[in-house]
Each structure stands twice: as structure tokens, then as C-alpha cells.
Amino acid sequence: MNLIKQIAHDTLKKDVNGVREWDRMKLTMFVSFIVAIVFAIVDFIQHGLRLDVWLTLIGFAYGSKLIDAQAKRIEK
């Protein structure tokens, strides 16, 4: 449990003037990704494996990575 807690603090917080604060964008992306995974699992249970759901998850993950890269470029 401590390992998961440490990973969450390392990935979902950022340094602001030497202080570690929760990053709103990272938290939003994390929660939205978890919700997408839950919906995909529910759809899988109800309808089986569907290509459109799988491609949507891949697109979501790729899009979130692009948004994160763009935000890092804007911060600099």
C-alpha cells in the first residue's frame, strides 16, 4: 500500500516554489481515465469485446499523453 501511495504522490503532484502540491490537470486526467476503464469493463461484460471501445481507450490514452506534453511545453 505504501508503494501505491508513493507512486500517487510522485506522479500526481508537482513542485510549486519548492512545495509539492496536487496537480489539478493530472488528477482530472487520472479520474477520467479510471472512469473510462470502468465503462469499458462494464461494456465488455454486457456486450463482449468490441473494437470501437478498444480503439476509443487507445485514443483516449494517446490523447491524454499529447495534452500532457502540450501542457509541459506551455509551462516552460
PDB file of N, CA and C in Angstrom:
ATOM      1  N   MET A   1       0.824  -1.202   0.000  1.00  0.00           N
ATOM      2  CA  MET A   1       0.000   0.000   0.000  1.00  0.00           C
ATOM      3  C   MET A   1       0.865   1.262   0.000  1.00  0.00           C
ATOM      4  N   ASN A   2       1.981   1.204   0.718  1.00  0.00           N
ATOM      5  CA  ASN A   2       2.870   2.366   0.752  1.00  0.00           C
ATOM      6  C   ASN A   2       3.470   2.648  -0.619  1.00  0.00           C
ATOM      7  N   LEU A   3       3.729   1.581  -1.392  1.00  0.00           N
ATOM      8  CA  LEU A   3       4.270   1.766  -2.734  1.00  0.00           C
ATOM      9  C   LEU A   3       3.272   2.501  -3.625  1.00  0.00           C
ATOM     10  N   ILE A   4       1.994   2.114  -3.557  1.00  0.00           N
ATOM     11  CA  ILE A   4       0.955   2.776  -4.347  1.00  0.00           C
ATOM     12  C   ILE A   4       0.817   4.239  -3.914  1.00  0.00           C
ATOM     13  N   LYS A   5       0.879   4.469  -2.620  1.00  0.00           N
ATOM     14  CA  LYS A   5       0.782   5.833  -2.096  1.00  0.00           C
ATOM     15  C   LYS A   5       1.954   6.684  -2.592  1.00  0.00           C
ATOM     16  N   GLN A   6       3.156   6.109  -2.583  1.00  0.00           N
ATOM     17  CA  GLN A   6       4.336   6.839  -3.048  1.00  0.00           C
ATOM     18  C   GLN A   6       4.249   7.142  -4.542  1.00  0.00           C
ATOM     19  N   ILE A   7       3.772   6.172  -5.333  1.00  0.00           N
ATOM     20  CA  ILE A   7       3.622   6.388  -6.770  1.00  0.00           C
ATOM     21  C   ILE A   7       2.613   7.498  -7.038  1.00  0.00           C
ATOM     22  N   ALA A   8       1.495   7.487  -6.306  1.00  0.00           N
ATOM     23  CA  ALA A   8       0.474   8.532  -6.479  1.00  0.00           C
ATOM     24  C   ALA A   8       1.037   9.904  -6.142  1.00  0.00           C
ATOM     25  N   HIS A   9       1.788  10.005  -5.070  1.00  0.00           N
ATOM     26  CA  HIS A   9       2.357  11.297  -4.689  1.00  0.00           C
ATOM     27  C   HIS A   9       3.409  11.767  -5.700  1.00  0.00           C
ATOM     28  N   ASP A  10       4.170  10.833  -6.260  1.00  0.00           N
ATOM     29  CA  ASP A  10       5.197  11.218  -7.230  1.00  0.00           C
ATOM     30  C   ASP A  10       4.601  11.642  -8.566  1.00  0.00           C
ATOM     31  N   THR A  11       3.537  10.976  -9.001  1.00  0.00           N
ATOM     32  CA  THR A  11       3.003  11.253 -10.335  1.00  0.00           C
ATOM     33  C   THR A  11       1.890  12.285 -10.352  1.00  0.00           C
ATOM     34  N   LEU A  12       1.156  12.456  -9.265  1.00  0.00           N
ATOM     35  CA  LEU A  12       0.008  13.357  -9.261  1.00  0.00           C
ATOM     36  C   LEU A  12       0.287  14.698  -8.572  1.00  0.00           C
ATOM     37  N   LYS A  13       1.507  14.896  -8.127  1.00  0.00           N
ATOM     38  CA  LYS A  13       1.873  16.173  -7.521  1.00  0.00           C
ATOM     39  C   LYS A  13       2.976  16.819  -8.337  1.00  0.00           C
ATOM     40  N   LYS A  14       3.075  18.141  -8.206  1.00  0.00           N
ATOM     41  CA  LYS A  14       4.160  18.864  -8.874  1.00  0.00           C
ATOM     42  C   LYS A  14       4.763  19.853  -7.886  1.00  0.00           C
ATOM     43  N   ASP A  15       5.994  20.272  -8.195  1.00  0.00           N
ATOM     44  CA  ASP A  15       6.677  21.241  -7.345  1.00  0.00           C
ATOM     45  C   ASP A  15       6.252  22.654  -7.721  1.00  0.00           C
ATOM     46  N   VAL A  16       5.792  23.390  -6.735  1.00  0.00           N
ATOM     47  CA  VAL A  16       5.449  24.789  -6.923  1.00  0.00           C
ATOM     48  C   VAL A  16       6.206  25.572  -5.853  1.00  0.00           C
ATOM     49  N   ASN A  17       7.238  26.281  -6.295  1.00  0.00           N
ATOM     50  CA  ASN A  17       8.071  27.063  -5.381  1.00  0.00           C
ATOM     51  C   ASN A  17       8.635  26.210  -4.249  1.00  0.00           C
ATOM     52  N   GLY A  18       9.064  24.983  -4.578  1.00  0.00           N
ATOM     53  CA  GLY A  18       9.666  24.085  -3.595  1.00  0.00           C
ATOM     54  C   GLY A  18       8.670  23.321  -2.745  1.00  0.00           C
ATOM     55  N   VAL A  19       7.379  23.482  -3.000  1.00  0.00           N
ATOM     56  CA  VAL A  19       6.342  22.789  -2.231  1.00  0.00           C
ATOM     57  C   VAL A  19       5.619  21.822  -3.158  1.00  0.00           C
ATOM     58  N   ARG A  20       5.402  20.565  -2.705  1.00  0.00           N
ATOM     59  CA  ARG A  20       4.690  19.575  -3.510  1.00  0.00           C
ATOM     60  C   ARG A  20       3.181  19.793  -3.345  1.00  0.00           C
ATOM     61  N   GLU A  21       2.505  20.129  -4.452  1.00  0.00           N
ATOM     62  CA  GLU A  21       1.055  20.343  -4.443  1.00  0.00           C
ATOM     63  C   GLU A  21       0.408  19.415  -5.454  1.00  0.00           C
ATOM     64  N   TRP A  22      -0.860  19.063  -5.208  1.00  0.00           N
ATOM     65  CA  TRP A  22      -1.610  18.233  -6.147  1.00  0.00           C
ATOM     66  C   TRP A  22      -1.820  19.018  -7.435  1.00  0.00           C
ATOM     67  N   ASP A  23      -1.585  18.369  -8.551  1.00  0.00           N
ATOM     68  CA  ASP A  23      -1.754  18.995  -9.858  1.00  0.00           C
ATOM     69  C   ASP A  23      -3.176  18.711 -10.347  1.00  0.00           C
ATOM     70  N   ARG A  24      -3.955  19.765 -10.533  1.00  0.00           N
ATOM     71  CA  ARG A  24      -5.360  19.591 -10.930  1.00  0.00           C
ATOM     72  C   ARG A  24      -5.506  18.879 -12.256  1.00  0.00           C
ATOM     73  N   MET A  25      -4.665  19.198 -13.229  1.00  0.00           N
ATOM     74  CA  MET A  25      -4.787  18.564 -14.536  1.00  0.00           C
ATOM     75  C   MET A  25      -4.462  17.075 -14.463  1.00  0.00           C
ATOM     76  N   LYS A  26      -3.429  16.727 -13.719  1.00  0.00           N
ATOM     77  CA  LYS A  26      -3.070  15.316 -13.578  1.00  0.00           C
ATOM     78  C   LYS A  26      -4.166  14.545 -12.850  1.00  0.00           C
ATOM     79  N   LEU A  27      -4.753  15.142 -11.821  1.00  0.00           N
ATOM     80  CA  LEU A  27      -5.845  14.487 -11.100  1.00  0.00           C
ATOM     81  C   LEU A  27      -7.065  14.304 -11.996  1.00  0.00           C
ATOM     82  N   THR A  28      -7.386  15.315 -12.788  1.00  0.00           N
ATOM     83  CA  THR A  28      -8.522  15.222 -13.701  1.00  0.00           C
ATOM     84  C   THR A  28      -8.307  14.133 -14.737  1.00  0.00           C
ATOM     85  N   MET A  29      -7.118  14.079 -15.319  1.00  0.00           N
ATOM     86  CA  MET A  29      -6.809  13.050 -16.307  1.00  0.00           C
ATOM     87  C   MET A  29      -6.856  11.658 -15.683  1.00  0.00           C
ATOM     88  N   PHE A  30      -6.364  11.521 -14.465  1.00  0.00           N
ATOM     89  CA  PHE A  30      -6.374  10.228 -13.784  1.00  0.00           C
ATOM     90  C   PHE A  30      -7.798   9.755 -13.524  1.00  0.00           C
ATOM     91  N   VAL A  31      -8.626  10.632 -12.990  1.00  0.00           N
ATOM     92  CA  VAL A  31     -10.018  10.266 -12.696  1.00  0.00           C
ATOM     93  C   VAL A  31     -10.778   9.948 -13.978  1.00  0.00           C
ATOM     94  N   SER A  32     -10.587  10.745 -15.018  1.00  0.00           N
ATOM     95  CA  SER A  32     -11.303  10.476 -16.268  1.00  0.00           C
ATOM     96  C   SER A  32     -10.834   9.168 -16.906  1.00  0.00           C
ATOM     97  N   PHE A  33      -9.554   8.835 -16.773  1.00  0.00           N
ATOM     98  CA  PHE A  33      -9.064   7.565 -17.308  1.00  0.00           C
ATOM     99  C   PHE A  33      -9.655   6.390 -16.534  1.00  0.00           C
ATOM    100  N   ILE A  34      -9.750   6.501 -15.219  1.00  0.00           N
ATOM    101  CA  ILE A  34     -10.348   5.435 -14.398  1.00  0.00           C
ATOM    102  C   ILE A  34     -11.819   5.250 -14.764  1.00  0.00           C
ATOM    103  N   VAL A  35     -12.544   6.336 -14.960  1.00  0.00           N
ATOM    104  CA  VAL A  35     -13.951   6.254 -15.359  1.00  0.00           C
ATOM    105  C   VAL A  35     -14.078   5.584 -16.729  1.00  0.00           C
ATOM    106  N   ALA A  36     -13.202   5.929 -17.660  1.00  0.00           N
ATOM    107  CA  ALA A  36     -13.229   5.295 -18.984  1.00  0.00           C
ATOM    108  C   ALA A  36     -12.960   3.799 -18.882  1.00  0.00           C
ATOM    109  N   ILE A  37     -12.029   3.404 -18.039  1.00  0.00           N
ATOM    110  CA  ILE A  37     -11.734   1.981 -17.840  1.00  0.00           C
ATOM    111  C   ILE A  37     -12.946   1.266 -17.259  1.00  0.00           C
ATOM    112  N   VAL A  38     -13.607   1.871 -16.282  1.00  0.00           N
ATOM    113  CA  VAL A  38     -14.794   1.254 -15.676  1.00  0.00           C
ATOM    114  C   VAL A  38     -15.896   1.073 -16.715  1.00  0.00           C
ATOM    115  N   PHE A  39     -16.148   2.106 -17.529  1.00  0.00           N
ATOM    116  CA  PHE A  39     -17.163   1.991 -18.581  1.00  0.00           C
ATOM    117  C   PHE A  39     -16.793   0.916 -19.600  1.00  0.00           C
ATOM    118  N   ALA A  40     -15.506   0.808 -19.939  1.00  0.00           N
ATOM    119  CA  ALA A  40     -15.072  -0.226 -20.886  1.00  0.00           C
ATOM    120  C   ALA A  40     -15.281  -1.619 -20.304  1.00  0.00           C
ATOM    121  N   ILE A  41     -15.014  -1.792 -19.022  1.00  0.00           N
ATOM    122  CA  ILE A  41     -15.222  -3.091 -18.378  1.00  0.00           C
ATOM    123  C   ILE A  41     -16.701  -3.444 -18.346  1.00  0.00           C
ATOM    124  N   VAL A  42     -17.542  -2.465 -18.012  1.00  0.00           N
ATOM    125  CA  VAL A  42     -18.987  -2.710 -17.996  1.00  0.00           C
ATOM    126  C   VAL A  42     -19.481  -3.079 -19.394  1.00  0.00           C
ATOM    127  N   ASP A  43     -19.010  -2.371 -20.411  1.00  0.00           N
ATOM    128  CA  ASP A  43     -19.396  -2.680 -21.782  1.00  0.00           C
ATOM    129  C   ASP A  43     -18.902  -4.068 -22.191  1.00  0.00           C
ATOM    130  N   PHE A  44     -17.695  -4.436 -21.760  1.00  0.00           N
ATOM    131  CA  PHE A  44     -17.164  -5.761 -22.059  1.00  0.00           C
ATOM    132  C   PHE A  44     -18.025  -6.849 -21.441  1.00  0.00           C
ATOM    133  N   ILE A  45     -18.463  -6.634 -20.212  1.00  0.00           N
ATOM    134  CA  ILE A  45     -19.315  -7.625 -19.531  1.00  0.00           C
ATOM    135  C   ILE A  45     -20.660  -7.750 -20.236  1.00  0.00           C
ATOM    136  N   GLN A  46     -21.219  -6.627 -20.679  1.00  0.00           N
ATOM    137  CA  GLN A  46     -22.532  -6.652 -21.307  1.00  0.00           C
ATOM    138  C   GLN A  46     -22.514  -7.127 -22.758  1.00  0.00           C
ATOM    139  N   HIS A  47     -21.499  -6.724 -23.535  1.00  0.00           N
ATOM    140  CA  HIS A  47     -21.519  -6.963 -24.974  1.00  0.00           C
ATOM    141  C   HIS A  47     -20.330  -7.746 -25.507  1.00  0.00           C
ATOM    142  N   GLY A  48     -19.376  -8.080 -24.674  1.00  0.00           N
ATOM    143  CA  GLY A  48     -18.171  -8.749 -25.147  1.00  0.00           C
ATOM    144  C   GLY A  48     -17.165  -7.742 -25.670  1.00  0.00           C
ATOM    145  N   LEU A  49     -16.067  -8.251 -26.219  1.00  0.00           N
ATOM    146  CA  LEU A  49     -15.013  -7.382 -26.717  1.00  0.00           C
ATOM    147  C   LEU A  49     -15.445  -6.719 -28.022  1.00  0.00           C
ATOM    148  N   ARG A  50     -15.396  -5.391 -28.047  1.00  0.00           N
ATOM    149  CA  ARG A  50     -15.774  -4.631 -29.237  1.00  0.00           C
ATOM    150  C   ARG A  50     -14.605  -3.760 -29.655  1.00  0.00           C
ATOM    151  N   LEU A  51     -14.362  -3.718 -30.942  1.00  0.00           N
ATOM    152  CA  LEU A  51     -13.229  -2.977 -31.482  1.00  0.00           C
ATOM    153  C   LEU A  51     -13.359  -1.474 -31.241  1.00  0.00           C
ATOM    154  N   ASP A  52     -14.553  -0.923 -31.354  1.00  0.00           N
ATOM    155  CA  ASP A  52     -14.705   0.520 -31.186  1.00  0.00           C
ATOM    156  C   ASP A  52     -14.384   0.971 -29.758  1.00  0.00           C
ATOM    157  N   VAL A  53     -14.743   0.159 -28.768  1.00  0.00           N
ATOM    158  CA  VAL A  53     -14.427   0.509 -27.374  1.00  0.00           C
ATOM    159  C   VAL A  53     -12.913   0.435 -27.155  1.00  0.00           C
ATOM    160  N   TRP A  54     -12.278  -0.600 -27.697  1.00  0.00           N
ATOM    161  CA  TRP A  54     -10.832  -0.759 -27.567  1.00  0.00           C
ATOM    162  C   TRP A  54     -10.093   0.416 -28.222  1.00  0.00           C
ATOM    163  N   LEU A  55     -10.510   0.803 -29.418  1.00  0.00           N
ATOM    164  CA  LEU A  55      -9.869   1.922 -30.106  1.00  0.00           C
ATOM    165  C   LEU A  55     -10.106   3.252 -29.387  1.00  0.00           C
ATOM    166  N   THR A  56     -11.272   3.389 -28.777  1.00  0.00           N
ATOM    167  CA  THR A  56     -11.550   4.604 -28.009  1.00  0.00           C
ATOM    168  C   THR A  56     -10.623   4.707 -26.807  1.00  0.00           C
ATOM    169  N   LEU A  57     -10.389   3.605 -26.107  1.00  0.00           N
ATOM    170  CA  LEU A  57      -9.465   3.623 -24.970  1.00  0.00           C
ATOM    171  C   LEU A  57      -8.045   3.959 -25.416  1.00  0.00           C
ATOM    172  N   ILE A  58      -7.614   3.381 -26.521  1.00  0.00           N
ATOM    173  CA  ILE A  58      -6.278   3.683 -27.035  1.00  0.00           C
ATOM    174  C   ILE A  58      -6.192   5.154 -27.430  1.00  0.00           C
ATOM    175  N   GLY A  59      -7.218   5.664 -28.095  1.00  0.00           N
ATOM    176  CA  GLY A  59      -7.245   7.077 -28.469  1.00  0.00           C
ATOM    177  C   GLY A  59      -7.251   7.993 -27.265  1.00  0.00           C
ATOM    178  N   PHE A  60      -7.975   7.608 -26.241  1.00  0.00           N
ATOM    179  CA  PHE A  60      -8.032   8.397 -25.014  1.00  0.00           C
ATOM    180  C   PHE A  60      -6.656   8.460 -24.359  1.00  0.00           C
ATOM    181  N   ALA A  61      -5.988   7.314 -24.255  1.00  0.00           N
ATOM    182  CA  ALA A  61      -4.663   7.280 -23.641  1.00  0.00           C
ATOM    183  C   ALA A  61      -3.667   8.110 -24.447  1.00  0.00           C
ATOM    184  N   TYR A  62      -3.707   7.985 -25.768  1.00  0.00           N
ATOM    185  CA  TYR A  62      -2.804   8.739 -26.631  1.00  0.00           C
ATOM    186  C   TYR A  62      -3.102  10.239 -26.550  1.00  0.00           C
ATOM    187  N   GLY A  63      -4.380  10.586 -26.551  1.00  0.00           N
ATOM    188  CA  GLY A  63      -4.774  11.992 -26.460  1.00  0.00           C
ATOM    189  C   GLY A  63      -4.360  12.621 -25.142  1.00  0.00           C
ATOM    190  N   SER A  64      -4.496  11.877 -24.053  1.00  0.00           N
ATOM    191  CA  SER A  64      -4.099  12.414 -22.758  1.00  0.00           C
ATOM    192  C   SER A  64      -2.591  12.632 -22.704  1.00  0.00           C
ATOM    193  N   LYS A  65      -1.831  11.770 -23.369  1.00  0.00           N
ATOM    194  CA  LYS A  65      -0.377  11.945 -23.418  1.00  0.00           C
ATOM    195  C   LYS A  65      -0.021  13.198 -24.222  1.00  0.00           C
ATOM    196  N   LEU A  66      -0.731  13.425 -25.323  1.00  0.00           N
ATOM    197  CA  LEU A  66      -0.479  14.626 -26.115  1.00  0.00           C
ATOM    198  C   LEU A  66      -0.827  15.897 -25.343  1.00  0.00           C
ATOM    199  N   ILE A  67      -1.931  15.865 -24.606  1.00  0.00           N
ATOM    200  CA  ILE A  67      -2.334  17.022 -23.809  1.00  0.00           C
ATOM    201  C   ILE A  67      -1.300  17.301 -22.732  1.00  0.00           C
ATOM    202  N   ASP A  68      -0.791  16.253 -22.092  1.00  0.00           N
ATOM    203  CA  ASP A  68       0.217  16.418 -21.057  1.00  0.00           C
ATOM    204  C   ASP A  68       1.506  17.001 -21.632  1.00  0.00           C
ATOM    205  N   ALA A  69       1.904  16.520 -22.809  1.00  0.00           N
ATOM    206  CA  ALA A  69       3.120  17.048 -23.446  1.00  0.00           C
ATOM    207  C   ALA A  69       2.937  18.526 -23.819  1.00  0.00           C
ATOM    208  N   GLN A  70       1.774  18.886 -24.309  1.00  0.00           N
ATOM    209  CA  GLN A  70       1.497  20.284 -24.663  1.00  0.00           C
ATOM    210  C   GLN A  70       1.518  21.171 -23.430  1.00  0.00           C
ATOM    211  N   ALA A  71       0.959  20.676 -22.324  1.00  0.00           N
ATOM    212  CA  ALA A  71       0.929  21.464 -21.083  1.00  0.00           C
ATOM    213  C   ALA A  71       2.352  21.684 -20.561  1.00  0.00           C
ATOM    214  N   LYS A  72       3.200  20.682 -20.676  1.00  0.00           N
ATOM    215  CA  LYS A  72       4.583  20.841 -20.228  1.00  0.00           C
ATOM    216  C   LYS A  72       5.310  21.880 -21.074  1.00  0.00           C
ATOM    217  N   ARG A  73       5.011  21.900 -22.373  1.00  0.00           N
ATOM    218  CA  ARG A  73       5.648  22.875 -23.250  1.00  0.00           C
ATOM    219  C   ARG A  73       5.167  24.284 -22.912  1.00  0.00           C
ATOM    220  N   ILE A  74       3.904  24.444 -22.556  1.00  0.00           N
ATOM    221  CA  ILE A  74       3.360  25.761 -22.203  1.00  0.00           C
ATOM    222  C   ILE A  74       3.955  26.255 -20.893  1.00  0.00           C
ATOM    223  N   GLU A  75       4.186  25.341 -19.914  1.00  0.00           N
ATOM    224  CA  GLU A  75       4.717  25.738 -18.599  1.00  0.00           C
ATOM    225  C   GLU A  75       6.132  26.294 -18.713  1.00  0.00           C
ATOM    226  N   LYS A  76       6.905  25.842 -19.703  1.00  0.00           N
ATOM    227  CA  LYS A  76       8.300  26.287 -19.822  1.00  0.00           C
ATOM    228  C   LYS A  76       8.401  27.614 -20.438  1.00  0.00           C
TER     229      LYS A  76
END
